Amino acid sequence: MGAVCLAFELELPASRKALGDRGYLQALLREPFGLSPHFESELTQYRWNAICDVMGEM
C-alpha cells in the first residue's frame, strides 16, 4: 500500500509518467499485495476499485 500511496505524492508530471511507463503502478493495482483473486469483501473490493480509478487518471 505504501508504494501506491507514494504515487499520490509525486508532484512532477515527468515522475508520474515514468512510474506509469514502467508499469509498476499498474502491476500493483492489478494484483494488490499479490492477491489473486482480489478481496473477499465486496466493500473492500469496491473501495480498491475506486482507488484504481483515481490512480488510472494520474
C-alpha atoms as a PDB file:
ATOM      1  CA  MET A   1       0.000   0.000   0.000  1.00  0.00           C
ATOM      2  CA  GLY A   2       2.898   2.312   0.718  1.00  0.00           C
ATOM      3  CA  ALA A   3       4.056   2.141  -2.890  1.00  0.00           C
ATOM      4  CA  VAL A   4       0.588   3.089  -4.136  1.00  0.00           C
ATOM      5  CA  CYS A   5       0.444   5.976  -1.665  1.00  0.00           C
ATOM      6  CA  LEU A   6       3.819   7.180  -2.893  1.00  0.00           C
ATOM      7  CA  ALA A   7       2.340   7.733  -6.351  1.00  0.00           C
ATOM      8  CA  PHE A   8      -0.098  10.269  -4.879  1.00  0.00           C
ATOM      9  CA  GLU A   9       2.857  12.269  -3.566  1.00  0.00           C
ATOM     10  CA  LEU A  10       4.649  12.568  -6.895  1.00  0.00           C
ATOM     11  CA  GLU A  11       4.386  16.207  -7.936  1.00  0.00           C
ATOM     12  CA  LEU A  12       6.237  16.360 -11.215  1.00  0.00           C
ATOM     13  CA  PRO A  13       4.342  15.136 -14.267  1.00  0.00           C
ATOM     14  CA  ALA A  14       7.574  13.537 -15.523  1.00  0.00           C
ATOM     15  CA  SER A  15       7.798  11.463 -12.332  1.00  0.00           C
ATOM     16  CA  ARG A  16       4.211  10.237 -12.666  1.00  0.00           C
ATOM     17  CA  LYS A  17       4.780   9.471 -16.349  1.00  0.00           C
ATOM     18  CA  ALA A  18       7.937   7.478 -15.575  1.00  0.00           C
ATOM     19  CA  LEU A  19       6.052   5.443 -12.976  1.00  0.00           C
ATOM     20  CA  GLY A  20       3.296   4.708 -15.483  1.00  0.00           C
ATOM     21  CA  ASP A  21       5.656   3.991 -18.378  1.00  0.00           C
ATOM     22  CA  ARG A  22       7.446   1.294 -16.404  1.00  0.00           C
ATOM     23  CA  GLY A  23       4.163  -0.377 -15.439  1.00  0.00           C
ATOM     24  CA  TYR A  24       4.948  -0.518 -11.723  1.00  0.00           C
ATOM     25  CA  LEU A  25       1.761   1.171 -10.619  1.00  0.00           C
ATOM     26  CA  GLN A  26      -0.446  -0.875 -12.921  1.00  0.00           C
ATOM     27  CA  ALA A  27       1.082  -4.097 -11.591  1.00  0.00           C
ATOM     28  CA  LEU A  28       0.373  -3.048  -8.008  1.00  0.00           C
ATOM     29  CA  LEU A  29      -3.195  -2.141  -8.889  1.00  0.00           C
ATOM     30  CA  ARG A  30      -3.875  -5.332 -10.857  1.00  0.00           C
ATOM     31  CA  GLU A  31      -2.671  -7.666  -8.131  1.00  0.00           C
ATOM     32  CA  PRO A  32      -2.706  -5.782  -4.853  1.00  0.00           C
ATOM     33  CA  PHE A  33      -0.363  -7.368  -2.346  1.00  0.00           C
ATOM     34  CA  GLY A  34      -0.024 -10.363  -4.675  1.00  0.00           C
ATOM     35  CA  LEU A  35      -3.656 -11.312  -4.084  1.00  0.00           C
ATOM     36  CA  SER A  36      -5.489 -13.183  -6.779  1.00  0.00           C
ATOM     37  CA  PRO A  37      -8.447 -13.203  -6.748  1.00  0.00           C
ATOM     38  CA  HIS A  38      -8.600  -9.804  -5.156  1.00  0.00           C
ATOM     39  CA  PHE A  39     -10.502  -9.142  -1.951  1.00  0.00           C
ATOM     40  CA  GLU A  40     -13.190 -11.337  -0.432  1.00  0.00           C
ATOM     41  CA  SER A  41     -15.099  -8.387   0.978  1.00  0.00           C
ATOM     42  CA  GLU A  42     -17.235  -6.670  -1.656  1.00  0.00           C
ATOM     43  CA  LEU A  43     -16.869  -3.348   0.153  1.00  0.00           C
ATOM     44  CA  THR A  44     -13.088  -3.616   0.215  1.00  0.00           C
ATOM     45  CA  GLN A  45     -13.071  -4.516  -3.484  1.00  0.00           C
ATOM     46  CA  TYR A  46     -15.357  -1.557  -4.245  1.00  0.00           C
ATOM     47  CA  ARG A  47     -13.018   0.799  -2.401  1.00  0.00           C
ATOM     48  CA  TRP A  48      -9.951  -0.686  -4.096  1.00  0.00           C
ATOM     49  CA  ASN A  49     -11.610  -0.213  -7.480  1.00  0.00           C
ATOM     50  CA  ALA A  50     -12.243   3.444  -6.614  1.00  0.00           C
ATOM     51  CA  ILE A  51      -8.541   3.866  -5.765  1.00  0.00           C
ATOM     52  CA  CYS A  52      -7.600   2.201  -9.067  1.00  0.00           C
ATOM     53  CA  ASP A  53      -9.866   4.571 -10.968  1.00  0.00           C
ATOM     54  CA  VAL A  54      -8.191   7.609  -9.420  1.00  0.00           C
ATOM     55  CA  MET A  55      -4.725   6.180  -9.968  1.00  0.00           C
ATOM     56  CA  GLY A  56      -5.546   5.425 -13.593  1.00  0.00           C
ATOM     57  CA  GLU A  57      -6.254   9.116 -14.134  1.00  0.00           C
ATOM     58  CA  MET A  58      -2.782  10.150 -12.992  1.00  0.00           C
END
